[in-house]
Amino acid sequence: MVFKCQEDSFLKEFTTRVKSIEPLPDQKGAFVIFDDTILFPEGGGQPCDHGTVNGLPVTNVIRKAGDALHFISTSDDLPLKPGDEVTQTVNWERRHDHMQQHSGQHLITAIFDREFKIGTKSWWLGEKTSYVDLDAKDVTQDQIMHVERICNELIANATPVKVDVYAADDPVLQSEELRAPRDLPEDVVGPIRVVTIEGVESNRCCGTHVKHLGQLQVVKLLNLEKTKGKLMLNFLVGNRVLTKLGECFERECQLNTILNGAPDRHLELATKLQANQKSSLKLLKTLAKELAQFEVQKFTQSDEKRFYFVHRHDGIDPEFQNNFLRHISDNKETLFFITIGDDSNKGSFLLQGPPEIINELKDQICTKLDAKGNGKGNRFQGKVNNLKGVKDCDKLIIKYFDSLS
């Protein structure tokens, strides 16, 4: 069956009748079939339309042989019955976007094939970016730019796009000029639609398309991604290009302030900032190592050897703790209580010392620090959500040792 949405992709409202209803109580809704529909069921790489039926939201439309099943969500009894006349309304912003991306994909695929004999194995229409999976090991930037230029020339010329419908056994469908039915779902029955971009290609397809390429506005080919045997070329068509340009411009303005420089200096300034950060991190690690040695000297000179506290909440490099512990690794008698964090009040803690003492104190310390920890033997450590509890932990440890005296 050829649905109304395929006959006229620009129809935004349509009156039809309810054919059947399949209640879905577990999903708080029902699948409804109509005599016809302007809401496109998912297929051919194109997501389904969203819309309403008599004001009720339709959030999913799927194809089942020659029917389109519309999922209507409602917590109450569905106010529809077979035979009812209803008004369908399509979410035009979503439909128009999908039309631009789908027709754009046909164009991109056709030009890669025509110019470089590079086929398309599959494609994906994403929420923000789409891609074609090209049947090649690699493509060059020159090839990509060449295809983009031709696509936009055809768009500027408002090249006509037409849809013809043929019986499934029509000899026309066996023509070598027709591209393989890559976009045709296996469950499509009845008449076959052929989408033709004048002078470019003809392709069997079930999706919704523009009337001429001028309605695509513009095509922008983005980056290549190579993964798991795929060569995916990301692309944007139409309004998505304008949206992306707006996002890039807003980000550019923000970077002007952050980097204190014009856009043509962003790369230079970011590279310089990255180099400075690398140098600063190297210095920070050196200072953290020296600070750990200083803390070891303090402990060595301290008269109190039953316990020792080290609390650094200034965002110090975590390597500080490891450097300190390496220097006191031979000490088995002292209980060391170390916390590291920053002004976010979160961080980490560590208890190291006699296992029997750690077992006595760890649960109370975790409670005061709102922490979760684990460990065995002479070490117990974990993440802290409340560093403000550190002083109470210090008092707890002191009180514990005083009780042993």
Protein backbone atom coordinates (compact mmCIF):
# COMPACT_ATOMS: atom_id res chain seq x y z
CA MET A 1 0.00 0.00 0.00
CA VAL A 2 1.15 3.51 -0.80
CA PHE A 3 0.19 5.73 2.13
CA LYS A 4 -1.09 9.29 1.85
CA CYS A 5 2.17 10.56 3.37
CA GLN A 6 3.99 9.02 0.39
CA GLU A 7 1.54 10.41 -2.17
CA ASP A 8 1.90 13.94 -0.78
CA SER A 9 4.84 14.44 1.57
CA PHE A 10 3.84 18.08 2.12
CA LEU A 11 0.32 17.32 3.43
CA LYS A 12 0.21 18.41 7.08
CA GLU A 13 -3.37 17.48 8.01
CA PHE A 14 -5.62 14.68 6.82
CA THR A 15 -9.07 13.27 7.57
CA THR A 16 -9.54 9.49 7.59
CA ARG A 17 -11.32 6.74 9.53
CA VAL A 18 -10.30 4.26 12.23
CA LYS A 19 -9.95 0.76 10.77
CA SER A 20 -8.96 -1.26 13.85
CA ILE A 21 -7.64 -0.85 17.40
CA GLU A 22 -5.27 -3.16 19.30
CA PRO A 23 -5.19 -2.23 23.03
CA LEU A 24 -1.76 -2.40 24.72
CA PRO A 25 -2.56 -2.11 28.46
CA ASP A 26 1.03 -2.85 29.54
CA GLN A 27 2.20 0.17 27.52
CA LYS A 28 -0.76 2.38 28.48
CA GLY A 29 -1.90 2.89 24.93
CA ALA A 30 -2.97 1.15 21.74
CA PHE A 31 -1.95 0.45 18.17
CA VAL A 32 -4.46 2.02 15.81
CA ILE A 33 -4.77 1.33 12.07
CA PHE A 34 -6.52 3.87 9.84
CA ASP A 35 -7.90 3.62 6.32
CA ASP A 36 -4.92 5.78 5.31
CA THR A 37 -2.33 7.96 7.01
CA ILE A 38 -0.12 11.01 6.60
CA LEU A 39 2.11 9.75 9.44
CA PHE A 40 5.08 7.91 7.94
CA PRO A 41 5.91 4.48 9.45
CA GLU A 42 9.60 3.86 10.09
CA GLY A 43 11.37 2.33 7.11
CA GLY A 44 14.12 2.70 4.54
CA GLY A 45 16.45 4.23 7.11
CA GLN A 46 13.95 7.00 7.88
CA PRO A 47 12.49 7.27 11.42
CA CYS A 48 8.74 7.45 11.83
CA ASP A 49 6.73 10.63 11.97
CA HIS A 50 5.26 12.03 15.17
CA GLY A 51 1.95 13.84 15.28
CA THR A 52 -1.58 13.73 16.67
CA VAL A 53 -4.93 12.08 15.97
CA ASN A 54 -7.81 14.21 17.22
CA GLY A 55 -5.27 15.86 19.50
CA LEU A 56 -4.01 12.53 20.93
CA PRO A 57 -0.20 12.18 20.63
CA VAL A 58 1.20 9.61 18.20
CA THR A 59 4.76 8.77 19.29
CA ASN A 60 5.51 5.74 17.13
CA VAL A 61 4.38 4.42 13.75
CA ILE A 62 5.51 1.04 12.45
CA ARG A 63 4.83 -0.89 9.25
CA LYS A 64 3.18 -4.29 9.31
CA ALA A 65 2.81 -5.63 5.78
CA GLY A 66 0.38 -3.23 4.10
CA ASP A 67 -0.71 -1.41 7.26
CA ALA A 68 0.72 1.37 9.39
CA LEU A 69 0.31 0.83 13.15
CA HIS A 70 0.07 4.09 15.11
CA PHE A 71 0.91 3.94 18.82
CA ILE A 72 -1.35 6.33 20.72
CA SER A 73 -0.46 6.78 24.38
CA THR A 74 -3.22 7.41 26.91
CA SER A 75 -3.71 6.60 30.59
CA ASP A 76 -7.50 6.47 30.11
CA ASP A 77 -9.69 4.50 27.72
CA LEU A 78 -8.91 5.44 24.14
CA PRO A 79 -11.70 7.76 22.92
CA LEU A 80 -11.73 6.10 19.49
CA LYS A 81 -13.54 3.16 17.93
CA PRO A 82 -13.53 1.54 14.48
CA GLY A 83 -15.40 3.64 11.96
CA ASP A 84 -14.72 6.97 13.70
CA GLU A 85 -13.71 9.85 11.46
CA VAL A 86 -10.50 11.45 12.75
CA THR A 87 -8.08 14.22 11.86
CA GLN A 88 -4.39 13.39 11.66
CA THR A 89 -1.80 16.15 12.07
CA VAL A 90 1.89 15.62 11.38
CA ASN A 91 4.74 17.16 13.38
CA TRP A 92 5.92 19.21 10.42
CA GLU A 93 9.29 20.27 11.84
CA ARG A 94 10.29 16.61 12.31
CA ARG A 95 8.83 15.53 8.94
CA HIS A 96 10.51 18.36 7.01
CA ASP A 97 13.85 17.59 8.65
CA HIS A 98 13.59 13.91 7.76
CA MET A 99 12.63 14.75 4.16
CA GLN A 100 15.68 16.99 3.79
CA GLN A 101 18.07 14.39 5.23
CA HIS A 102 16.58 11.48 3.23
CA SER A 103 16.50 13.28 -0.12
CA GLY A 104 19.97 14.62 0.65
CA GLN A 105 21.22 11.10 1.26
CA HIS A 106 19.87 9.98 -2.13
CA LEU A 107 21.74 12.86 -3.76
CA ILE A 108 25.04 12.24 -1.93
CA THR A 109 24.89 8.51 -2.67
CA ALA A 110 24.14 9.10 -6.36
CA ILE A 111 26.98 11.58 -6.87
CA PHE A 112 29.58 9.39 -5.14
CA ASP A 113 28.49 6.53 -7.39
CA ARG A 114 28.41 8.60 -10.57
CA GLU A 115 31.68 10.47 -10.06
CA PHE A 116 33.86 7.83 -8.37
CA LYS A 117 31.99 4.48 -8.63
CA ILE A 118 31.79 4.44 -4.83
CA GLY A 119 28.58 2.81 -3.62
CA THR A 120 26.68 3.24 -0.37
CA LYS A 121 26.21 0.13 1.78
CA SER A 122 23.83 1.71 4.28
CA TRP A 123 22.94 5.00 5.89
CA TRP A 124 21.74 6.36 9.22
CA LEU A 125 19.47 9.31 9.92
CA GLY A 126 20.50 10.52 13.38
CA GLU A 127 18.90 13.14 15.60
CA LYS A 128 21.59 15.72 14.85
CA THR A 129 23.94 14.21 12.27
CA SER A 130 23.46 11.51 9.64
CA TYR A 131 25.98 9.36 7.76
CA VAL A 132 26.40 7.23 4.66
CA ASP A 133 28.48 4.06 4.94
CA LEU A 134 30.57 4.18 1.78
CA ASP A 135 31.68 1.01 0.02
CA ALA A 136 35.37 1.93 -0.13
CA LYS A 137 38.51 1.56 1.95
CA ASP A 138 38.99 5.31 1.97
CA VAL A 139 38.04 8.53 0.20
CA THR A 140 40.11 11.69 -0.09
CA GLN A 141 39.20 15.17 1.06
CA ASP A 142 39.33 16.28 -2.57
CA GLN A 143 36.72 13.66 -3.48
CA ILE A 144 34.48 14.77 -0.61
CA MET A 145 34.74 18.43 -1.63
CA HIS A 146 34.04 17.50 -5.26
CA VAL A 147 30.85 15.64 -4.31
CA GLU A 148 29.73 18.46 -2.01
CA ARG A 149 30.23 21.04 -4.76
CA ILE A 150 28.18 19.07 -7.31
CA CYS A 151 25.40 18.42 -4.77
CA ASN A 152 25.08 22.12 -4.02
CA GLU A 153 25.13 23.04 -7.72
CA LEU A 154 22.19 20.68 -8.28
CA ILE A 155 20.45 22.24 -5.27
CA ALA A 156 21.02 25.75 -6.61
CA ASN A 157 19.46 24.65 -9.91
CA ALA A 158 16.36 23.35 -8.07
CA THR A 159 16.72 20.02 -9.88
CA PRO A 160 13.28 18.33 -10.00
CA VAL A 161 12.51 15.26 -7.89
CA LYS A 162 9.57 13.08 -8.85
CA VAL A 163 7.95 9.93 -7.47
CA ASP A 164 6.43 7.29 -9.75
CA VAL A 165 4.43 4.28 -8.59
CA TYR A 166 4.60 0.91 -10.36
CA ALA A 167 2.99 -2.48 -9.89
CA ALA A 168 5.37 -4.89 -8.19
CA ASP A 169 5.71 -6.96 -11.41
CA ASP A 170 6.20 -3.99 -13.75
CA PRO A 171 9.19 -4.59 -16.10
CA VAL A 172 10.34 -1.01 -15.44
CA LEU A 173 11.49 -2.16 -12.00
CA GLN A 174 14.01 -4.52 -13.63
CA SER A 175 15.76 -1.67 -15.45
CA GLU A 176 19.51 -1.41 -14.96
CA GLU A 177 19.05 2.32 -14.50
CA LEU A 178 17.28 1.69 -11.20
CA ARG A 179 19.53 1.60 -8.18
CA ALA A 180 19.26 -1.55 -6.04
CA PRO A 181 16.36 -1.40 -3.55
CA ARG A 182 18.69 -0.56 -0.69
CA ASP A 183 16.09 1.59 1.09
CA LEU A 184 13.08 -0.69 0.60
CA PRO A 185 11.97 -2.65 3.73
CA GLU A 186 11.42 -6.37 3.17
CA ASP A 187 7.79 -6.19 4.36
CA VAL A 188 6.72 -3.64 1.74
CA VAL A 189 3.87 -5.12 -0.28
CA GLY A 190 1.87 -3.82 -3.22
CA PRO A 191 2.89 -0.97 -5.54
CA ILE A 192 6.54 0.11 -5.61
CA ARG A 193 7.59 3.76 -5.50
CA VAL A 194 10.53 4.99 -7.56
CA VAL A 195 12.13 8.30 -6.56
CA THR A 196 13.91 10.06 -9.43
CA ILE A 197 16.29 13.01 -9.19
CA GLU A 198 16.13 14.34 -12.74
CA GLY A 199 19.31 13.58 -14.67
CA VAL A 200 20.96 12.02 -11.62
CA GLU A 201 19.40 8.74 -10.47
CA SER A 202 16.26 6.65 -9.97
CA ASN A 203 15.87 4.58 -6.82
CA ARG A 204 13.15 2.43 -5.28
CA CYS A 205 12.28 3.98 -1.92
CA CYS A 206 9.43 4.11 0.60
CA GLY A 207 10.42 7.39 2.27
CA THR A 208 9.12 10.95 2.09
CA HIS A 209 11.00 13.32 -0.23
CA VAL A 210 11.19 16.91 -1.42
CA LYS A 211 9.69 18.04 -4.76
CA HIS A 212 12.91 19.61 -6.02
CA LEU A 213 16.47 19.81 -4.69
CA GLY A 214 16.14 23.54 -4.00
CA GLN A 215 14.07 22.53 -0.97
CA LEU A 216 17.20 20.93 0.51
CA GLN A 217 18.77 24.42 0.78
CA VAL A 218 22.34 23.14 1.21
CA VAL A 219 24.40 19.98 1.78
CA LYS A 220 27.45 19.94 4.03
CA LEU A 221 29.72 16.87 4.10
CA LEU A 222 31.54 16.57 7.39
CA ASN A 223 34.14 14.16 8.75
CA LEU A 224 34.95 10.55 7.96
CA GLU A 225 34.81 7.88 10.66
CA LYS A 226 36.45 4.49 10.22
CA THR A 227 35.21 1.78 12.57
CA LYS A 228 34.57 -1.97 12.42
CA GLY A 229 34.89 -2.23 8.67
CA LYS A 230 32.78 0.86 8.03
CA LEU A 231 33.69 4.09 6.29
CA MET A 232 31.09 6.53 7.55
CA LEU A 233 30.81 10.01 6.08
CA ASN A 234 28.79 12.33 8.31
CA PHE A 235 26.60 14.92 6.65
CA LEU A 236 24.04 17.66 7.28
CA VAL A 237 21.29 18.90 4.99
CA GLY A 238 19.10 22.01 5.03
CA ASN A 239 18.07 23.49 8.37
CA ARG A 240 20.58 21.27 10.17
CA VAL A 241 23.39 23.18 8.45
CA LEU A 242 21.98 26.47 9.76
CA THR A 243 21.60 25.00 13.26
CA LYS A 244 25.19 23.75 13.24
CA LEU A 245 26.46 27.09 11.95
CA GLY A 246 24.60 28.85 14.77
CA GLU A 247 26.11 26.50 17.35
CA CYS A 248 29.61 27.00 15.93
CA PHE A 249 29.23 30.78 15.91
CA GLU A 250 28.01 30.82 19.52
CA ARG A 251 30.93 28.62 20.55
CA GLU A 252 33.29 30.89 18.61
CA CYS A 253 32.03 33.93 20.52
CA GLN A 254 32.51 32.14 23.84
CA LEU A 255 36.05 31.16 22.86
CA ASN A 256 36.79 34.79 21.94
CA THR A 257 36.25 35.63 25.61
CA ILE A 258 37.92 32.56 27.10
CA LEU A 259 41.02 32.74 24.90
CA ASN A 260 41.04 36.54 24.72
CA GLY A 261 41.57 36.50 20.97
CA ALA A 262 39.82 36.55 17.60
CA PRO A 263 38.71 33.32 15.86
CA ASP A 264 41.70 33.27 13.51
CA ARG A 265 43.95 32.97 16.59
CA HIS A 266 41.95 30.30 18.45
CA LEU A 267 44.14 27.39 17.36
CA GLU A 268 47.33 29.29 18.21
CA LEU A 269 46.02 30.38 21.62
CA ALA A 270 44.61 26.94 22.47
CA THR A 271 47.92 25.29 21.54
CA LYS A 272 49.79 27.75 23.73
CA LEU A 273 47.36 27.16 26.59
CA GLN A 274 47.81 23.41 26.23
CA ALA A 275 51.61 23.77 26.36
CA ASN A 276 51.36 25.97 29.47
CA GLN A 277 49.07 23.45 31.13
CA LYS A 278 51.49 20.62 30.39
CA SER A 279 54.33 22.64 31.91
CA SER A 280 52.22 23.53 34.95
CA LEU A 281 51.24 19.90 35.54
CA LYS A 282 54.87 18.87 35.40
CA LEU A 283 55.74 21.54 37.97
CA LEU A 284 52.79 20.51 40.14
CA LYS A 285 53.96 16.89 40.20
CA THR A 286 57.45 18.02 41.22
CA LEU A 287 56.08 20.20 44.01
CA ALA A 288 53.76 17.42 45.18
CA LYS A 289 56.75 15.10 45.45
CA GLU A 290 58.71 17.68 47.47
CA LEU A 291 55.68 18.35 49.67
CA ALA A 292 55.34 14.63 50.37
CA GLN A 293 58.97 14.50 51.47
CA PHE A 294 58.37 17.50 53.73
CA GLU A 295 55.34 15.76 55.27
CA VAL A 296 57.47 12.67 55.93
CA GLN A 297 60.01 14.85 57.78
CA LYS A 298 57.21 16.32 59.91
CA PHE A 299 56.07 12.83 60.85
CA THR A 300 59.62 11.69 61.60
CA GLN A 301 60.14 14.67 63.93
CA SER A 302 56.76 14.27 65.62
CA ASP A 303 56.57 12.83 69.13
CA GLU A 304 53.18 11.28 68.38
CA LYS A 305 53.70 7.97 66.66
CA ARG A 306 50.38 6.26 67.41
CA PHE A 307 48.57 8.13 64.64
CA TYR A 308 49.29 10.77 62.04
CA PHE A 309 46.94 12.97 59.98
CA VAL A 310 47.56 14.38 56.50
CA HIS A 311 44.75 16.52 55.05
CA ARG A 312 45.17 18.33 51.75
CA HIS A 313 41.98 19.95 50.41
CA ASP A 314 43.66 22.33 47.99
CA GLY A 315 43.30 20.21 44.85
CA ILE A 316 46.80 18.75 45.12
CA ASP A 317 47.88 16.06 42.68
CA PRO A 318 46.77 12.61 43.97
CA GLU A 319 50.35 11.43 43.38
CA PHE A 320 51.19 13.32 46.59
CA GLN A 321 49.54 10.54 48.62
CA ASN A 322 51.43 7.78 46.81
CA ASN A 323 54.77 9.59 47.28
CA PHE A 324 54.09 9.98 51.00
CA LEU A 325 53.10 6.33 51.45
CA ARG A 326 56.22 5.10 49.64
CA HIS A 327 58.40 6.88 52.20
CA ILE A 328 56.61 5.40 55.23
CA SER A 329 55.97 1.92 53.80
CA ASP A 330 58.11 0.26 56.49
CA ASN A 331 56.01 1.71 59.32
CA LYS A 332 53.53 -0.92 60.55
CA GLU A 333 52.59 0.54 63.95
CA THR A 334 51.24 4.02 63.15
CA LEU A 335 47.68 4.64 61.94
CA PHE A 336 47.83 7.08 59.03
CA PHE A 337 44.64 8.96 58.14
CA ILE A 338 44.95 10.81 54.81
CA THR A 339 42.35 12.86 52.95
CA ILE A 340 42.74 14.62 49.61
CA GLY A 341 40.20 16.87 47.90
CA ASP A 342 39.31 20.37 46.75
CA ASP A 343 36.79 23.09 47.49
CA SER A 344 33.95 20.95 46.11
CA ASN A 345 33.87 19.19 49.51
CA LYS A 346 34.51 15.85 47.77
CA GLY A 347 37.66 13.77 47.53
CA SER A 348 39.21 10.56 48.81
CA PHE A 349 40.43 9.10 52.09
CA LEU A 350 42.87 6.41 53.16
CA LEU A 351 43.50 4.56 56.40
CA GLN A 352 46.78 2.65 56.68
CA GLY A 353 48.06 0.91 59.78
CA PRO A 354 47.31 -1.98 62.12
CA PRO A 355 44.40 -3.99 60.63
CA GLU A 356 42.63 -4.43 63.97
CA ILE A 357 42.50 -0.65 64.51
CA ILE A 358 41.27 0.00 60.96
CA ASN A 359 38.46 -2.54 61.46
CA GLU A 360 37.42 -0.73 64.66
CA LEU A 361 37.25 2.72 63.06
CA LYS A 362 36.46 2.37 59.34
CA ASP A 363 32.65 2.24 59.56
CA GLN A 364 32.42 5.30 61.82
CA ILE A 365 34.81 7.23 59.58
CA CYS A 366 32.81 6.34 56.47
CA THR A 367 29.65 7.59 58.18
CA LYS A 368 31.20 10.94 59.17
CA LEU A 369 32.66 11.47 55.68
CA ASP A 370 29.60 10.16 53.81
CA ALA A 371 32.04 7.80 52.15
CA LYS A 372 32.17 4.33 50.68
CA GLY A 373 35.37 2.39 51.07
CA ASN A 374 36.99 -0.97 50.58
CA GLY A 375 40.26 -2.66 51.31
CA LYS A 376 41.90 -5.43 53.26
CA GLY A 377 44.78 -5.95 55.63
CA ASN A 378 46.54 -2.75 56.61
CA ARG A 379 44.84 -0.45 54.06
CA PHE A 380 41.28 0.86 53.64
CA GLN A 381 40.32 3.64 51.21
CA GLY A 382 37.42 5.17 49.34
CA LYS A 383 35.58 8.17 47.91
CA VAL A 384 34.40 11.02 50.16
CA ASN A 385 31.25 13.13 49.70
CA ASN A 386 31.65 15.27 52.85
CA LEU A 387 35.16 16.46 53.67
CA LYS A 388 33.68 18.71 56.37
CA GLY A 389 33.57 15.60 58.55
CA VAL A 390 37.39 15.31 58.63
CA LYS A 391 37.78 17.13 61.99
CA ASP A 392 35.23 14.83 63.60
CA CYS A 393 37.20 11.86 62.27
CA ASP A 394 40.41 13.26 63.77
CA LYS A 395 38.67 13.59 67.14
CA LEU A 396 37.33 10.05 66.83
CA ILE A 397 40.81 8.63 66.22
CA ILE A 398 42.37 10.62 69.08
CA LYS A 399 39.59 9.54 71.45
CA TYR A 400 40.06 5.91 70.41
CA PHE A 401 43.79 5.91 71.18
CA ASP A 402 43.28 7.80 74.43
CA SER A 403 40.86 5.09 75.53
CA LEU A 404 43.64 2.53 75.11
CA SER A 405 45.96 4.35 77.49
